[in-house]
Amino acid sequence: MGQKINPLGFRLGTTQNHHSFWFAQPKNFSVGLQEDEKIRNCIKNYVQKNKRISSGFEGIGIARIEIQKRIDLIQVIIHIGFPNLLIEGQTRGIEELQMNVQKEFRSVNRRINIAITRIEKPYGDPNILAEYMASQLRNRVSFRKAMKRAIELTEQTDTKGIQIQIAGRIDGKEIARVEWIREGRVPLQTIRAKIDHCSYTIRTIHGVLGLKIWIFVDEE
């Protein structure tokens, strides 16, 4: 069962929480969901365009974006892993981002407020680790080397276990296949175990690869 369901949805209300906090009538729910998606895409596009090239990380370095909606305010908290333009520019960068999102959002009644939280151990987050592996595979590094390097980086963050799975035309082979590796414990069927999970799409010259990462953080 743990393999057939999203590990985050499986643990909602126990060890995992929603990334969006708001209430709406059933008929307005789809509109609110599209608003969240628009805000997240706008932030990711802005960071991608304005990131510092000298940071040494090819991805955008965003672990997750939390959205809390009130009647007249939308509070957005960005959990970010690496110093880039948003943190380097401090207030100016955040104000510019707020203006961009507000312009895209086109809401007169509600104000958008953006805050940034720095993650102490970025490679302990599956989204940032997936971006790192994607950049390695695009640069034609062997998938086994990329997997082992990702596991080494995760072990430095004191996690209890990690599992990585890649599917598709790996290394440009004609027949698609699935390869996976696991280090430590990853108890997918234990609800009290806090597991971070992400699915990531990698576009390479040979086609699209699907990447999944499970990280066993802690047990309650």
N, C-alpha and C. Protein backbone atom coordinates (compact mmCIF):
# COMPACT_ATOMS: atom_id res chain seq x y z
N MET A 1 0.83 -1.21 0.00
CA MET A 1 0.00 0.00 0.00
C MET A 1 0.86 1.26 0.00
N GLY A 2 1.97 1.20 0.72
CA GLY A 2 2.84 2.38 0.78
C GLY A 2 3.43 2.75 -0.56
N GLN A 3 3.48 1.79 -1.50
CA GLN A 3 4.05 2.08 -2.81
C GLN A 3 2.99 2.54 -3.81
N LYS A 4 1.73 2.33 -3.48
CA LYS A 4 0.66 2.65 -4.44
C LYS A 4 0.01 3.99 -4.15
N ILE A 5 0.40 4.65 -3.09
CA ILE A 5 -0.21 5.92 -2.71
C ILE A 5 0.90 6.92 -2.42
N ASN A 6 0.61 8.20 -2.63
CA ASN A 6 1.60 9.23 -2.32
C ASN A 6 1.90 9.22 -0.82
N PRO A 7 3.15 9.06 -0.41
CA PRO A 7 3.48 8.96 1.02
C PRO A 7 3.07 10.19 1.83
N LEU A 8 3.01 11.35 1.17
CA LEU A 8 2.61 12.57 1.90
C LEU A 8 1.12 12.56 2.17
N GLY A 9 0.31 12.20 1.16
CA GLY A 9 -1.13 12.13 1.35
C GLY A 9 -1.52 11.03 2.33
N PHE A 10 -0.76 9.94 2.34
CA PHE A 10 -0.99 8.81 3.23
C PHE A 10 -0.83 9.20 4.69
N ARG A 11 0.01 10.22 4.96
CA ARG A 11 0.35 10.60 6.33
C ARG A 11 -0.25 11.94 6.76
N LEU A 12 -1.15 12.49 5.96
CA LEU A 12 -1.75 13.78 6.32
C LEU A 12 -2.48 13.68 7.65
N GLY A 13 -2.23 14.66 8.52
CA GLY A 13 -2.89 14.67 9.82
C GLY A 13 -2.12 13.94 10.90
N THR A 14 -1.06 13.19 10.52
CA THR A 14 -0.24 12.51 11.52
C THR A 14 1.16 13.12 11.57
N THR A 15 1.97 12.83 10.57
CA THR A 15 3.32 13.40 10.54
C THR A 15 3.49 14.45 9.45
N GLN A 16 2.48 14.60 8.56
CA GLN A 16 2.57 15.57 7.46
C GLN A 16 1.41 16.55 7.52
N ASN A 17 1.66 17.77 7.07
CA ASN A 17 0.62 18.79 7.00
C ASN A 17 0.46 19.27 5.56
N HIS A 18 -0.66 19.91 5.30
CA HIS A 18 -0.89 20.49 3.97
C HIS A 18 0.07 21.66 3.74
N HIS A 19 0.41 21.89 2.46
CA HIS A 19 1.23 23.05 2.10
C HIS A 19 0.37 24.28 1.82
N SER A 20 -0.94 24.11 1.79
CA SER A 20 -1.86 25.24 1.62
C SER A 20 -2.88 25.20 2.76
N PHE A 21 -3.09 26.37 3.40
CA PHE A 21 -4.04 26.46 4.52
C PHE A 21 -5.09 27.51 4.18
N TRP A 22 -6.28 27.07 3.76
CA TRP A 22 -7.39 27.99 3.50
C TRP A 22 -8.68 27.19 3.39
N PHE A 23 -9.78 27.90 3.52
CA PHE A 23 -11.10 27.27 3.45
C PHE A 23 -11.90 27.95 2.34
N ALA A 24 -12.74 27.15 1.65
CA ALA A 24 -13.57 27.70 0.57
C ALA A 24 -14.82 26.85 0.42
N GLN A 25 -15.84 27.46 -0.13
CA GLN A 25 -17.06 26.71 -0.46
C GLN A 25 -16.73 25.71 -1.59
N PRO A 26 -17.44 24.57 -1.64
CA PRO A 26 -17.14 23.57 -2.68
C PRO A 26 -17.12 24.13 -4.10
N LYS A 27 -18.02 25.07 -4.40
CA LYS A 27 -18.06 25.60 -5.77
C LYS A 27 -16.87 26.51 -6.08
N ASN A 28 -16.20 27.07 -5.01
CA ASN A 28 -15.04 27.95 -5.22
C ASN A 28 -13.71 27.24 -5.02
N PHE A 29 -13.78 25.95 -4.72
CA PHE A 29 -12.53 25.23 -4.39
C PHE A 29 -11.57 25.19 -5.57
N SER A 30 -12.09 24.90 -6.78
CA SER A 30 -11.22 24.78 -7.95
C SER A 30 -10.52 26.10 -8.27
N VAL A 31 -11.22 27.23 -8.04
CA VAL A 31 -10.62 28.55 -8.28
C VAL A 31 -9.45 28.78 -7.33
N GLY A 32 -9.64 28.43 -6.05
CA GLY A 32 -8.57 28.59 -5.05
C GLY A 32 -7.37 27.72 -5.37
N LEU A 33 -7.63 26.51 -5.87
CA LEU A 33 -6.56 25.59 -6.22
C LEU A 33 -5.73 26.14 -7.38
N GLN A 34 -6.42 26.72 -8.37
CA GLN A 34 -5.72 27.31 -9.52
C GLN A 34 -4.91 28.54 -9.10
N GLU A 35 -5.44 29.30 -8.13
CA GLU A 35 -4.70 30.46 -7.60
C GLU A 35 -3.38 30.01 -6.98
N ASP A 36 -3.44 28.93 -6.18
CA ASP A 36 -2.22 28.41 -5.55
C ASP A 36 -1.19 28.01 -6.59
N GLU A 37 -1.65 27.31 -7.61
CA GLU A 37 -0.74 26.84 -8.67
C GLU A 37 -0.11 28.03 -9.40
N LYS A 38 -0.91 29.05 -9.65
CA LYS A 38 -0.40 30.25 -10.34
C LYS A 38 0.66 30.97 -9.51
N ILE A 39 0.40 31.08 -8.19
CA ILE A 39 1.37 31.74 -7.30
C ILE A 39 2.68 30.97 -7.27
N ARG A 40 2.58 29.64 -7.13
CA ARG A 40 3.80 28.81 -7.06
C ARG A 40 4.60 28.88 -8.36
N ASN A 41 3.92 28.81 -9.50
CA ASN A 41 4.61 28.86 -10.79
C ASN A 41 5.27 30.22 -11.01
N CYS A 42 4.59 31.28 -10.60
CA CYS A 42 5.13 32.63 -10.76
C CYS A 42 6.42 32.80 -9.94
N ILE A 43 6.41 32.30 -8.70
CA ILE A 43 7.60 32.40 -7.83
C ILE A 43 8.76 31.59 -8.40
N LYS A 44 8.47 30.36 -8.86
CA LYS A 44 9.53 29.51 -9.41
C LYS A 44 10.13 30.11 -10.67
N ASN A 45 9.29 30.67 -11.54
CA ASN A 45 9.79 31.31 -12.77
C ASN A 45 10.66 32.52 -12.46
N TYR A 46 10.24 33.32 -11.46
CA TYR A 46 11.02 34.51 -11.09
C TYR A 46 12.40 34.10 -10.56
N VAL A 47 12.42 33.10 -9.67
CA VAL A 47 13.70 32.65 -9.08
C VAL A 47 14.59 32.06 -10.17
N GLN A 48 14.00 31.31 -11.10
CA GLN A 48 14.78 30.72 -12.19
C GLN A 48 15.44 31.78 -13.06
N LYS A 49 14.70 32.87 -13.32
CA LYS A 49 15.24 33.94 -14.18
C LYS A 49 16.29 34.79 -13.46
N ASN A 50 16.10 35.00 -12.16
CA ASN A 50 16.94 35.97 -11.44
C ASN A 50 17.97 35.35 -10.51
N LYS A 51 18.15 34.03 -10.57
CA LYS A 51 19.10 33.41 -9.65
C LYS A 51 20.54 33.78 -10.05
N ARG A 52 21.42 33.73 -9.05
CA ARG A 52 22.83 34.03 -9.30
C ARG A 52 23.50 32.82 -9.92
N ILE A 53 24.21 33.02 -11.02
CA ILE A 53 24.89 31.92 -11.71
C ILE A 53 26.04 31.40 -10.86
N SER A 54 26.65 32.28 -10.05
CA SER A 54 27.81 31.89 -9.26
C SER A 54 27.46 31.06 -8.03
N SER A 55 26.16 30.78 -7.82
CA SER A 55 25.77 30.02 -6.63
C SER A 55 26.22 28.56 -6.70
N GLY A 56 26.54 28.06 -7.91
CA GLY A 56 27.04 26.70 -8.05
C GLY A 56 25.97 25.63 -8.04
N PHE A 57 24.69 26.02 -8.05
CA PHE A 57 23.59 25.06 -8.07
C PHE A 57 22.69 25.40 -9.23
N GLU A 58 22.42 24.43 -10.09
CA GLU A 58 21.69 24.70 -11.34
C GLU A 58 20.18 24.84 -11.14
N GLY A 59 19.63 24.22 -10.10
CA GLY A 59 18.19 24.28 -9.87
C GLY A 59 17.79 25.59 -9.19
N ILE A 60 16.50 25.69 -8.85
CA ILE A 60 16.02 26.91 -8.18
C ILE A 60 16.17 26.81 -6.67
N GLY A 61 16.37 25.61 -6.15
CA GLY A 61 16.66 25.45 -4.72
C GLY A 61 15.49 25.69 -3.79
N ILE A 62 14.26 25.60 -4.30
CA ILE A 62 13.08 25.79 -3.45
C ILE A 62 12.57 24.42 -3.01
N ALA A 63 12.49 24.22 -1.69
CA ALA A 63 12.00 22.95 -1.16
C ALA A 63 10.48 22.89 -1.25
N ARG A 64 9.81 23.91 -0.74
CA ARG A 64 8.34 23.95 -0.81
C ARG A 64 7.88 25.39 -0.62
N ILE A 65 6.64 25.64 -1.06
CA ILE A 65 6.03 26.96 -0.92
C ILE A 65 4.72 26.78 -0.17
N GLU A 66 4.63 27.37 1.02
CA GLU A 66 3.40 27.26 1.81
C GLU A 66 2.54 28.51 1.60
N ILE A 67 1.24 28.30 1.46
CA ILE A 67 0.31 29.41 1.20
C ILE A 67 -0.78 29.41 2.26
N GLN A 68 -0.96 30.55 2.93
CA GLN A 68 -2.02 30.71 3.93
C GLN A 68 -2.89 31.88 3.49
N LYS A 69 -4.18 31.60 3.30
CA LYS A 69 -5.09 32.63 2.78
C LYS A 69 -6.03 33.12 3.88
N ARG A 70 -6.16 34.46 3.95
CA ARG A 70 -7.18 35.08 4.80
C ARG A 70 -8.09 35.91 3.91
N ILE A 71 -8.99 36.65 4.54
CA ILE A 71 -9.96 37.42 3.75
C ILE A 71 -9.27 38.48 2.90
N ASP A 72 -8.31 39.22 3.50
CA ASP A 72 -7.68 40.33 2.78
C ASP A 72 -6.18 40.14 2.57
N LEU A 73 -5.65 38.95 2.91
CA LEU A 73 -4.20 38.75 2.84
C LEU A 73 -3.89 37.32 2.41
N ILE A 74 -2.86 37.19 1.56
CA ILE A 74 -2.32 35.87 1.21
C ILE A 74 -0.87 35.83 1.68
N GLN A 75 -0.61 34.99 2.68
CA GLN A 75 0.74 34.86 3.23
C GLN A 75 1.45 33.70 2.53
N VAL A 76 2.60 33.99 1.91
CA VAL A 76 3.37 32.98 1.19
C VAL A 76 4.72 32.81 1.89
N ILE A 77 5.03 31.57 2.28
CA ILE A 77 6.31 31.27 2.93
C ILE A 77 7.11 30.37 2.00
N ILE A 78 8.29 30.85 1.58
CA ILE A 78 9.14 30.10 0.66
C ILE A 78 10.26 29.45 1.48
N HIS A 79 10.32 28.13 1.44
CA HIS A 79 11.41 27.40 2.10
C HIS A 79 12.49 27.14 1.06
N ILE A 80 13.61 27.82 1.22
CA ILE A 80 14.65 27.83 0.17
C ILE A 80 15.95 27.25 0.74
N GLY A 81 16.73 26.60 -0.12
CA GLY A 81 17.90 25.89 0.35
C GLY A 81 19.22 26.62 0.16
N PHE A 82 19.34 27.42 -0.91
CA PHE A 82 20.63 28.03 -1.23
C PHE A 82 20.50 29.54 -1.35
N PRO A 83 21.55 30.28 -0.98
CA PRO A 83 21.50 31.73 -1.16
C PRO A 83 21.51 32.09 -2.65
N ASN A 84 20.50 32.81 -3.08
CA ASN A 84 20.45 33.28 -4.47
C ASN A 84 20.00 34.73 -4.46
N LEU A 85 19.48 35.21 -5.56
CA LEU A 85 19.12 36.64 -5.65
C LEU A 85 18.10 37.05 -4.58
N LEU A 86 17.16 36.16 -4.26
CA LEU A 86 16.12 36.52 -3.30
C LEU A 86 16.70 36.85 -1.95
N ILE A 87 17.69 36.06 -1.50
CA ILE A 87 18.29 36.31 -0.19
C ILE A 87 19.38 37.36 -0.28
N GLU A 88 20.17 37.32 -1.38
CA GLU A 88 21.25 38.29 -1.54
C GLU A 88 20.70 39.71 -1.62
N GLY A 89 19.60 39.86 -2.38
CA GLY A 89 19.01 41.18 -2.55
C GLY A 89 18.21 41.63 -1.34
N GLN A 90 17.97 40.69 -0.40
CA GLN A 90 17.20 40.96 0.82
C GLN A 90 15.89 41.65 0.49
N THR A 91 15.65 42.83 1.04
CA THR A 91 14.34 43.47 0.92
C THR A 91 13.98 43.79 -0.52
N ARG A 92 14.94 44.26 -1.29
CA ARG A 92 14.67 44.66 -2.66
C ARG A 92 14.18 43.46 -3.49
N GLY A 93 14.87 42.33 -3.34
CA GLY A 93 14.49 41.13 -4.09
C GLY A 93 13.11 40.64 -3.73
N ILE A 94 12.78 40.68 -2.44
CA ILE A 94 11.46 40.20 -1.99
C ILE A 94 10.37 41.15 -2.47
N GLU A 95 10.63 42.46 -2.39
CA GLU A 95 9.63 43.44 -2.85
C GLU A 95 9.34 43.28 -4.35
N GLU A 96 10.42 43.06 -5.12
CA GLU A 96 10.27 42.87 -6.57
C GLU A 96 9.43 41.62 -6.86
N LEU A 97 9.72 40.55 -6.11
CA LEU A 97 8.97 39.30 -6.28
C LEU A 97 7.49 39.50 -5.92
N GLN A 98 7.23 40.23 -4.82
CA GLN A 98 5.85 40.50 -4.41
C GLN A 98 5.09 41.26 -5.48
N MET A 99 5.75 42.25 -6.09
CA MET A 99 5.11 43.03 -7.15
C MET A 99 4.79 42.15 -8.36
N ASN A 100 5.73 41.27 -8.72
CA ASN A 100 5.50 40.37 -9.86
C ASN A 100 4.33 39.44 -9.62
N VAL A 101 4.27 38.86 -8.42
CA VAL A 101 3.19 37.92 -8.09
C VAL A 101 1.85 38.65 -8.04
N GLN A 102 1.86 39.86 -7.44
CA GLN A 102 0.62 40.64 -7.33
C GLN A 102 0.09 41.01 -8.72
N LYS A 103 1.03 41.34 -9.63
CA LYS A 103 0.64 41.70 -10.99
C LYS A 103 0.03 40.49 -11.72
N GLU A 104 0.64 39.33 -11.50
CA GLU A 104 0.15 38.10 -12.13
C GLU A 104 -1.19 37.67 -11.53
N PHE A 105 -1.32 37.91 -10.24
CA PHE A 105 -2.50 37.45 -9.52
C PHE A 105 -3.73 38.33 -9.82
N ARG A 106 -3.51 39.62 -10.01
CA ARG A 106 -4.56 40.59 -10.37
C ARG A 106 -5.71 40.60 -9.37
N SER A 107 -5.38 40.65 -8.10
CA SER A 107 -6.40 40.72 -7.06
C SER A 107 -6.32 42.07 -6.38
N VAL A 108 -7.42 42.81 -6.42
CA VAL A 108 -7.45 44.15 -5.82
C VAL A 108 -7.73 44.05 -4.33
N ASN A 109 -8.58 43.10 -3.95
CA ASN A 109 -9.03 43.01 -2.55
C ASN A 109 -8.01 42.37 -1.62
N ARG A 110 -7.14 41.52 -2.16
CA ARG A 110 -6.21 40.79 -1.30
C ARG A 110 -4.76 41.16 -1.59
N ARG A 111 -4.01 41.37 -0.50
CA ARG A 111 -2.60 41.73 -0.61
C ARG A 111 -1.77 40.47 -0.42
N ILE A 112 -0.66 40.38 -1.14
CA ILE A 112 0.23 39.22 -1.03
C ILE A 112 1.46 39.61 -0.22
N ASN A 113 1.76 38.82 0.79
CA ASN A 113 2.95 39.04 1.62
C ASN A 113 3.85 37.82 1.52
N ILE A 114 5.12 38.02 1.17
CA ILE A 114 6.04 36.90 0.96
C ILE A 114 7.14 36.92 2.01
N ALA A 115 7.37 35.76 2.63
CA ALA A 115 8.47 35.61 3.60
C ALA A 115 9.35 34.45 3.14
N ILE A 116 10.64 34.51 3.51
CA ILE A 116 11.59 33.48 3.08
C ILE A 116 12.20 32.82 4.31
N THR A 117 12.20 31.48 4.30
CA THR A 117 12.82 30.69 5.37
C THR A 117 13.96 29.88 4.78
N ARG A 118 15.10 29.93 5.42
CA ARG A 118 16.28 29.21 4.94
C ARG A 118 16.32 27.81 5.54
N ILE A 119 16.57 26.80 4.71
CA ILE A 119 16.71 25.42 5.18
C ILE A 119 18.17 25.18 5.55
N GLU A 120 18.39 24.66 6.75
CA GLU A 120 19.76 24.46 7.23
C GLU A 120 20.49 23.37 6.43
N LYS A 121 19.80 22.25 6.14
CA LYS A 121 20.43 21.14 5.43
C LYS A 121 19.67 20.89 4.12
N PRO A 122 20.02 21.62 3.06
CA PRO A 122 19.24 21.55 1.82
C PRO A 122 19.19 20.17 1.19
N TYR A 123 20.29 19.41 1.26
CA TYR A 123 20.29 18.11 0.59
C TYR A 123 19.53 17.05 1.37
N GLY A 124 18.93 17.42 2.49
CA GLY A 124 18.03 16.53 3.20
C GLY A 124 16.60 16.65 2.68
N ASP A 125 16.38 17.54 1.71
CA ASP A 125 15.04 17.73 1.13
C ASP A 125 14.99 17.06 -0.24
N PRO A 126 13.97 16.24 -0.51
CA PRO A 126 13.93 15.50 -1.79
C PRO A 126 13.82 16.37 -3.03
N ASN A 127 13.12 17.53 -2.94
CA ASN A 127 12.97 18.40 -4.11
C ASN A 127 14.31 18.98 -4.56
N ILE A 128 15.11 19.43 -3.59
CA ILE A 128 16.42 20.01 -3.92
C ILE A 128 17.36 18.91 -4.42
N LEU A 129 17.27 17.73 -3.79
CA LEU A 129 18.10 16.60 -4.22
C LEU A 129 17.73 16.16 -5.65
N ALA A 130 16.45 16.21 -5.98
CA ALA A 130 15.99 15.85 -7.33
C ALA A 130 16.54 16.83 -8.36
N GLU A 131 16.56 18.12 -8.02
CA GLU A 131 17.12 19.12 -8.94
C GLU A 131 18.61 18.89 -9.17
N TYR A 132 19.31 18.52 -8.09
CA TYR A 132 20.75 18.23 -8.21
C TYR A 132 20.97 17.03 -9.14
N MET A 133 20.18 15.96 -8.93
CA MET A 133 20.33 14.77 -9.78
C MET A 133 19.95 15.06 -11.23
N ALA A 134 18.93 15.90 -11.43
CA ALA A 134 18.52 16.27 -12.79
C ALA A 134 19.66 16.98 -13.53
N SER A 135 20.34 17.90 -12.84
CA SER A 135 21.46 18.62 -13.48
C SER A 135 22.60 17.66 -13.81
N GLN A 136 22.83 16.66 -12.94
CA GLN A 136 23.88 15.67 -13.21
C GLN A 136 23.55 14.83 -14.44
N LEU A 137 22.29 14.37 -14.52
CA LEU A 137 21.89 13.52 -15.65
C LEU A 137 21.85 14.29 -16.96
N ARG A 138 21.49 15.58 -16.90
CA ARG A 138 21.51 16.40 -18.13
C ARG A 138 22.94 16.60 -18.63
N ASN A 139 23.90 16.61 -17.71
CA ASN A 139 25.31 16.76 -18.09
C ASN A 139 25.94 15.41 -18.45
N ARG A 140 25.09 14.40 -18.66
CA ARG A 140 25.49 13.06 -19.12
C ARG A 140 26.39 12.33 -18.12
N VAL A 141 26.18 12.59 -16.85
CA VAL A 141 26.85 11.80 -15.82
C VAL A 141 26.11 10.46 -15.73
N SER A 142 26.83 9.37 -15.48
CA SER A 142 26.20 8.06 -15.35
C SER A 142 25.16 8.08 -14.22
N PHE A 143 24.02 7.41 -14.46
CA PHE A 143 22.94 7.48 -13.47
C PHE A 143 23.35 6.83 -12.15
N ARG A 144 24.21 5.79 -12.21
CA ARG A 144 24.66 5.15 -10.97
C ARG A 144 25.54 6.10 -10.15
N LYS A 145 26.42 6.84 -10.84
CA LYS A 145 27.25 7.83 -10.13
C LYS A 145 26.39 8.92 -9.51
N ALA A 146 25.37 9.38 -10.27
CA ALA A 146 24.48 10.42 -9.77
C ALA A 146 23.71 9.94 -8.54
N MET A 147 23.25 8.68 -8.57
CA MET A 147 22.53 8.11 -7.43
C MET A 147 23.43 8.04 -6.19
N LYS A 148 24.65 7.51 -6.39
CA LYS A 148 25.57 7.34 -5.26
C LYS A 148 25.96 8.69 -4.67
N ARG A 149 26.18 9.67 -5.54
CA ARG A 149 26.55 11.02 -5.07
C ARG A 149 25.40 11.63 -4.27
N ALA A 150 24.17 11.42 -4.75
CA ALA A 150 22.99 11.95 -4.04
C ALA A 150 22.86 11.31 -2.66
N ILE A 151 23.13 10.00 -2.58
CA ILE A 151 23.06 9.30 -1.29
C ILE A 151 24.14 9.82 -0.34
N GLU A 152 25.34 10.06 -0.87
CA GLU A 152 26.43 10.61 -0.04
C GLU A 152 26.04 11.97 0.54
N LEU A 153 25.44 12.82 -0.30
CA LEU A 153 25.03 14.15 0.17
C LEU A 153 23.94 14.05 1.24
N THR A 154 23.02 13.09 1.07
CA THR A 154 21.93 12.94 2.04
C THR A 154 22.44 12.38 3.36
N GLU A 155 23.43 11.49 3.31
CA GLU A 155 23.96 10.91 4.55
C GLU A 155 24.60 11.96 5.45
N GLN A 156 25.08 13.05 4.85
CA GLN A 156 25.68 14.13 5.65
C GLN A 156 24.63 14.91 6.44
N THR A 157 23.34 14.73 6.12
CA THR A 157 22.28 15.50 6.78
C THR A 157 21.59 14.71 7.90
N ASP A 158 22.16 13.57 8.31
CA ASP A 158 21.65 12.75 9.43
C ASP A 158 20.24 12.20 9.18
N THR A 159 19.94 11.82 7.96
CA THR A 159 18.65 11.16 7.70
C THR A 159 18.82 9.66 7.95
N LYS A 160 17.69 8.97 8.18
CA LYS A 160 17.75 7.56 8.55
C LYS A 160 17.73 6.62 7.36
N GLY A 161 17.31 7.11 6.20
CA GLY A 161 17.29 6.25 5.01
C GLY A 161 16.83 7.02 3.79
N ILE A 162 17.18 6.51 2.61
CA ILE A 162 16.79 7.15 1.36
C ILE A 162 16.59 6.08 0.29
N GLN A 163 15.59 6.30 -0.56
CA GLN A 163 15.37 5.43 -1.72
C GLN A 163 15.19 6.30 -2.95
N ILE A 164 15.89 5.97 -4.03
CA ILE A 164 15.83 6.73 -5.28
C ILE A 164 15.43 5.77 -6.40
N GLN A 165 14.52 6.22 -7.25
CA GLN A 165 14.08 5.40 -8.39
C GLN A 165 14.05 6.25 -9.65
N ILE A 166 14.66 5.73 -10.72
CA ILE A 166 14.66 6.41 -12.02
C ILE A 166 14.00 5.49 -13.04
N ALA A 167 13.11 6.03 -13.85
CA ALA A 167 12.42 5.24 -14.88
C ALA A 167 12.49 5.97 -16.22
N GLY A 168 12.63 5.21 -17.31
CA GLY A 168 12.67 5.81 -18.64
C GLY A 168 13.84 5.26 -19.45
N ARG A 169 14.20 5.98 -20.49
CA ARG A 169 15.32 5.56 -21.34
C ARG A 169 16.63 6.02 -20.69
N ILE A 170 17.05 5.25 -19.69
CA ILE A 170 18.23 5.62 -18.90
C ILE A 170 19.48 5.45 -19.76
N ASP A 171 20.35 6.46 -19.71
CA ASP A 171 21.61 6.48 -20.47
C ASP A 171 21.38 6.35 -21.98
N GLY A 172 20.16 6.70 -22.45
CA GLY A 172 19.88 6.70 -23.89
C GLY A 172 19.61 5.33 -24.48
N LYS A 173 19.40 4.31 -23.64
CA LYS A 173 19.09 2.97 -24.16
C LYS A 173 17.74 2.97 -24.86
N GLU A 174 17.57 2.05 -25.82
CA GLU A 174 16.34 2.03 -26.62
C GLU A 174 15.13 1.54 -25.81
N ILE A 175 15.37 0.62 -24.89
CA ILE A 175 14.27 0.07 -24.08
C ILE A 175 14.24 0.76 -22.72
N ALA A 176 13.06 1.27 -22.37
CA ALA A 176 12.92 1.95 -21.08
C ALA A 176 12.95 0.91 -19.95
N ARG A 177 13.51 1.32 -18.81
CA ARG A 177 13.55 0.42 -17.66
C ARG A 177 13.50 1.23 -16.38
N VAL A 178 13.40 0.51 -15.27
CA VAL A 178 13.35 1.15 -13.95
C VAL A 178 14.56 0.71 -13.14
N GLU A 179 15.28 1.66 -12.58
CA GLU A 179 16.42 1.35 -11.71
C GLU A 179 16.20 2.04 -10.38
N TRP A 180 16.55 1.35 -9.29
CA TRP A 180 16.38 1.97 -7.98
C TRP A 180 17.49 1.55 -7.03
N ILE A 181 17.68 2.35 -6.01
CA ILE A 181 18.71 2.09 -4.99
C ILE A 181 18.17 2.56 -3.65
N ARG A 182 18.54 1.83 -2.60
CA ARG A 182 18.08 2.21 -1.26
C ARG A 182 19.24 2.11 -0.27
N GLU A 183 19.31 3.06 0.63
CA GLU A 183 20.32 3.06 1.67
C GLU A 183 19.63 3.34 3.00
N GLY A 184 19.82 2.47 3.98
CA GLY A 184 19.16 2.66 5.27
C GLY A 184 17.72 2.13 5.24
N ARG A 185 16.92 2.59 6.20
CA ARG A 185 15.52 2.15 6.30
C ARG A 185 14.58 3.17 5.65
N VAL A 186 13.60 2.66 4.88
CA VAL A 186 12.55 3.53 4.32
C VAL A 186 11.21 2.81 4.55
N PRO A 187 10.62 2.92 5.75
CA PRO A 187 9.37 2.19 6.06
C PRO A 187 8.14 2.90 5.49
N LEU A 188 7.78 2.56 4.25
CA LEU A 188 6.70 3.26 3.56
C LEU A 188 5.32 2.96 4.16
N GLN A 189 5.17 1.80 4.81
CA GLN A 189 3.85 1.43 5.32
C GLN A 189 3.65 1.85 6.78
N THR A 190 4.66 2.42 7.41
CA THR A 190 4.53 2.87 8.79
C THR A 190 4.06 4.32 8.79
N ILE A 191 2.85 4.56 9.27
CA ILE A 191 2.27 5.91 9.19
C ILE A 191 3.00 6.88 10.12
N ARG A 192 3.47 6.41 11.27
CA ARG A 192 4.13 7.32 12.22
C ARG A 192 5.53 7.75 11.75
N ALA A 193 6.05 7.07 10.71
CA ALA A 193 7.36 7.44 10.17
C ALA A 193 7.21 8.65 9.27
N LYS A 194 7.98 9.70 9.53
CA LYS A 194 7.93 10.91 8.70
C LYS A 194 8.80 10.70 7.47
N ILE A 195 8.15 10.67 6.31
CA ILE A 195 8.87 10.44 5.05
C ILE A 195 8.61 11.61 4.10
N ASP A 196 9.68 12.21 3.60
CA ASP A 196 9.57 13.24 2.57
C ASP A 196 9.66 12.56 1.21
N HIS A 197 8.80 13.00 0.28
CA HIS A 197 8.74 12.35 -1.03
C HIS A 197 8.60 13.40 -2.12
N CYS A 198 9.17 13.12 -3.28
CA CYS A 198 8.92 14.00 -4.42
C CYS A 198 9.00 13.20 -5.72
N SER A 199 8.22 13.64 -6.69
CA SER A 199 8.29 13.10 -8.06
C SER A 199 8.78 14.23 -8.95
N TYR A 200 9.76 13.94 -9.78
CA TYR A 200 10.39 14.99 -10.58
C TYR A 200 10.56 14.50 -12.02
N THR A 201 10.29 15.36 -12.97
CA THR A 201 10.43 15.02 -14.39
C THR A 201 11.73 15.62 -14.93
N ILE A 202 12.57 14.78 -15.51
CA ILE A 202 13.85 15.23 -16.07
C ILE A 202 13.77 15.14 -17.59
N ARG A 203 13.99 16.28 -18.26
CA ARG A 203 13.97 16.29 -19.73
C ARG A 203 15.42 16.23 -20.23
N THR A 204 15.77 15.12 -20.88
CA THR A 204 17.11 14.94 -21.42
C THR A 204 17.03 14.87 -22.95
N ILE A 205 18.20 14.78 -23.60
CA ILE A 205 18.22 14.73 -25.07
C ILE A 205 17.65 13.41 -25.59
N HIS A 206 17.61 12.38 -24.73
CA HIS A 206 17.08 11.08 -25.15
C HIS A 206 15.60 10.94 -24.85
N GLY A 207 15.03 11.86 -24.11
CA GLY A 207 13.62 11.76 -23.74
C GLY A 207 13.40 12.15 -22.29
N VAL A 208 12.24 11.79 -21.79
CA VAL A 208 11.86 12.19 -20.43
C VAL A 208 12.13 11.04 -19.46
N LEU A 209 12.76 11.38 -18.33
CA LEU A 209 12.99 10.41 -17.26
C LEU A 209 12.12 10.80 -16.06
N GLY A 210 11.60 9.79 -15.38
CA GLY A 210 10.84 10.03 -14.15
C GLY A 210 11.70 9.70 -12.95
N LEU A 211 11.79 10.64 -12.00
CA LEU A 211 12.62 10.45 -10.81
C LEU A 211 11.75 10.54 -9.56
N LYS A 212 11.88 9.56 -8.67
CA LYS A 212 11.17 9.58 -7.39
C LYS A 212 12.18 9.41 -6.27
N ILE A 213 12.00 10.20 -5.21
CA ILE A 213 12.90 10.12 -4.06
C ILE A 213 12.07 10.03 -2.79
N TRP A 214 12.40 9.06 -1.94
CA TRP A 214 11.81 8.94 -0.61
C TRP A 214 12.92 9.14 0.41
N ILE A 215 12.73 10.01 1.38
CA ILE A 215 13.71 10.22 2.45
C ILE A 215 13.04 9.99 3.80
N PHE A 216 13.57 9.05 4.57
CA PHE A 216 13.05 8.75 5.91
C PHE A 216 13.72 9.71 6.90
N VAL A 217 12.94 10.67 7.39
CA VAL A 217 13.50 11.73 8.23
C VAL A 217 13.54 11.31 9.69
N ASP A 218 12.39 10.89 10.21
CA ASP A 218 12.32 10.61 11.65
C ASP A 218 11.09 9.73 11.93
N GLU A 219 11.03 9.22 13.15
CA GLU A 219 9.89 8.39 13.56
C GLU A 219 9.36 8.89 14.88
N GLU A 220 8.04 9.06 14.96
CA GLU A 220 7.43 9.59 16.18
C GLU A 220 7.14 8.47 17.17
